[in-house]
Amino acid sequence: MSYVSHCHEAGNDVHVAGLIAVVDDDAAMRQSIERLLSARGYTVTTFDSAEDFLDRAHLDSVSGLVLDIHLGGMSGIELQRQLLAMNSRIPVVFITAYDDDGTRLGAFEVGCVDCLQKPFAAERLTEALERGMNL
């Protein structure tokens, strides 16, 4: 089951720079987001945990990060805190299945472009990424 709405508009030009990293412990969700962003012209790499991202990602080549808040092990918010401590300025779009005021507040407190509740429209994700990369 795909959590991402795959809505495509005819004649939609994509202007992309760099690499988008997707961190989510749900394999179906990672694959869905990867397909969506790849179809829009992004180069995408995926990770199944925050720890995997920290171990394998080349932070200087990541232009945007789609990050699940609730991961096994280190949470997305904890990962963002570590990235900030490393002086990373990668724009983050948090995604979560548990959208409540506390979760959203925590996401915005650690700095993010947006916090999207699953399922979310494809356009919301791409717009948030582009907004973050153009800051």
Protein backbone atom coordinates (compact mmCIF):
# COMPACT_ATOMS: atom_id res chain seq x y z
CA MET A 1 0.00 0.00 0.00
CA SER A 2 1.36 3.37 -0.97
CA TYR A 3 1.08 6.22 1.53
CA VAL A 4 1.98 8.87 -1.03
CA SER A 5 -0.62 10.18 -3.41
CA HIS A 6 0.86 9.96 -6.91
CA CYS A 7 -0.74 12.91 -8.65
CA HIS A 8 1.08 14.05 -11.78
CA GLU A 9 0.33 17.18 -13.69
CA ALA A 10 0.92 17.40 -17.41
CA GLY A 11 3.67 19.78 -18.44
CA ASN A 12 5.15 19.98 -14.94
CA ASP A 13 8.81 21.03 -15.31
CA VAL A 14 11.16 19.97 -12.55
CA HIS A 15 14.15 22.03 -11.49
CA VAL A 16 16.31 19.95 -9.20
CA ALA A 17 19.71 20.38 -7.59
CA GLY A 18 21.58 17.77 -5.61
CA LEU A 19 20.46 14.66 -3.83
CA ILE A 20 17.37 13.97 -1.74
CA ALA A 21 17.80 11.52 1.15
CA VAL A 22 14.78 9.65 2.48
CA VAL A 23 14.92 8.10 5.96
CA ASP A 24 11.99 5.88 6.92
CA ASP A 25 11.88 2.45 8.56
CA ASP A 26 8.90 1.43 6.40
CA ALA A 27 10.26 -0.13 3.19
CA ALA A 28 7.03 0.48 1.25
CA MET A 29 7.03 4.15 2.24
CA ARG A 30 10.70 4.58 1.26
CA GLN A 31 10.04 2.98 -2.11
CA SER A 32 6.93 5.07 -2.71
CA ILE A 33 8.71 8.35 -1.93
CA GLU A 34 11.74 7.31 -3.98
CA ARG A 35 9.55 6.56 -7.01
CA LEU A 36 7.62 9.81 -6.62
CA LEU A 37 10.72 11.98 -6.35
CA SER A 38 12.60 10.11 -9.09
CA ALA A 39 9.64 10.60 -11.43
CA ARG A 40 9.90 14.33 -10.71
CA GLY A 41 13.58 14.38 -11.69
CA TYR A 42 15.23 14.15 -8.28
CA THR A 43 18.18 11.91 -7.51
CA VAL A 44 17.16 9.94 -4.42
CA THR A 45 18.92 7.73 -1.91
CA THR A 46 17.15 5.91 0.90
CA PHE A 47 18.00 4.79 4.42
CA ASP A 48 16.06 2.54 6.79
CA SER A 49 17.25 4.22 9.99
CA ALA A 50 18.77 7.40 11.36
CA GLU A 51 21.88 5.44 12.25
CA ASP A 52 22.19 4.14 8.68
CA PHE A 53 21.91 7.71 7.38
CA LEU A 54 24.65 8.93 9.72
CA ASP A 55 26.90 5.98 8.78
CA ARG A 56 26.49 6.11 5.00
CA ALA A 57 25.28 9.53 3.88
CA HIS A 58 27.70 12.08 2.47
CA LEU A 59 26.14 15.09 4.14
CA ASP A 60 27.83 17.61 1.86
CA SER A 61 26.02 16.14 -1.16
CA VAL A 62 22.52 16.00 0.39
CA SER A 63 20.32 18.91 -0.73
CA GLY A 64 17.15 17.83 1.08
CA LEU A 65 16.05 15.29 3.66
CA VAL A 66 12.66 13.57 3.96
CA LEU A 67 12.72 12.25 7.51
CA ASP A 68 10.21 10.10 9.37
CA ILE A 69 9.82 11.24 12.98
CA HIS A 70 9.10 7.83 14.51
CA LEU A 71 11.90 5.43 13.63
CA GLY A 72 13.17 2.33 15.38
CA GLY A 73 16.26 3.36 17.34
CA MET A 74 17.14 7.04 17.03
CA SER A 75 14.10 9.17 16.18
CA GLY A 76 13.96 11.63 13.32
CA ILE A 77 13.94 14.51 15.78
CA GLU A 78 17.05 13.14 17.50
CA LEU A 79 18.74 12.81 14.10
CA GLN A 80 17.89 16.42 13.27
CA ARG A 81 19.39 17.51 16.60
CA GLN A 82 22.61 15.66 15.75
CA LEU A 83 22.71 17.22 12.28
CA LEU A 84 22.29 20.69 13.79
CA ALA A 85 25.10 19.97 16.27
CA MET A 86 27.25 19.12 13.22
CA ASN A 87 26.30 22.51 11.70
CA SER A 88 24.29 20.83 8.96
CA ARG A 89 21.89 23.11 7.12
CA ILE A 90 20.14 20.39 5.11
CA PRO A 91 16.46 21.36 4.70
CA VAL A 92 14.31 18.75 6.45
CA VAL A 93 10.74 17.75 5.67
CA PHE A 94 9.44 15.59 8.50
CA ILE A 95 6.80 12.95 7.80
CA THR A 96 4.76 11.14 10.41
CA ALA A 97 1.80 8.84 10.84
CA TYR A 98 1.27 10.27 14.35
CA ASP A 99 0.31 13.87 13.76
CA ASP A 100 -0.50 15.55 17.04
CA ASP A 101 0.33 18.97 18.44
CA GLY A 102 3.30 17.68 20.47
CA THR A 103 4.83 15.89 17.49
CA ARG A 104 4.43 18.90 15.20
CA LEU A 105 5.79 21.26 17.85
CA GLY A 106 8.84 19.02 18.37
CA ALA A 107 9.48 18.92 14.62
CA PHE A 108 9.32 22.69 14.21
CA GLU A 109 11.38 23.31 17.36
CA VAL A 110 14.35 21.43 15.87
CA GLY A 111 13.90 23.18 12.54
CA CYS A 112 12.10 21.87 9.52
CA VAL A 113 10.59 23.19 6.34
CA ASP A 114 7.35 21.31 6.96
CA CYS A 115 5.84 18.39 8.87
CA LEU A 116 3.50 16.25 6.77
CA GLN A 117 1.05 13.68 8.07
CA LYS A 118 0.92 10.34 6.22
CA PRO A 119 -0.76 9.95 3.83
CA PHE A 120 0.16 13.22 2.18
CA ALA A 121 -0.28 14.61 -1.31
CA ALA A 122 2.72 14.30 -3.58
CA GLU A 123 2.56 18.02 -4.33
CA ARG A 124 2.88 18.93 -0.64
CA LEU A 125 6.11 16.95 -0.38
CA THR A 126 7.71 18.31 -3.54
CA GLU A 127 6.64 21.88 -2.75
CA ALA A 128 8.12 21.63 0.76
CA LEU A 129 11.39 20.23 -0.57
CA GLU A 130 11.69 22.92 -3.23
CA ARG A 131 10.84 25.63 -0.70
CA GLY A 132 13.54 24.34 1.64
CA MET A 133 16.19 24.05 -1.05
CA ASN A 134 15.47 27.60 -2.25
CA LEU A 135 15.93 29.23 1.18
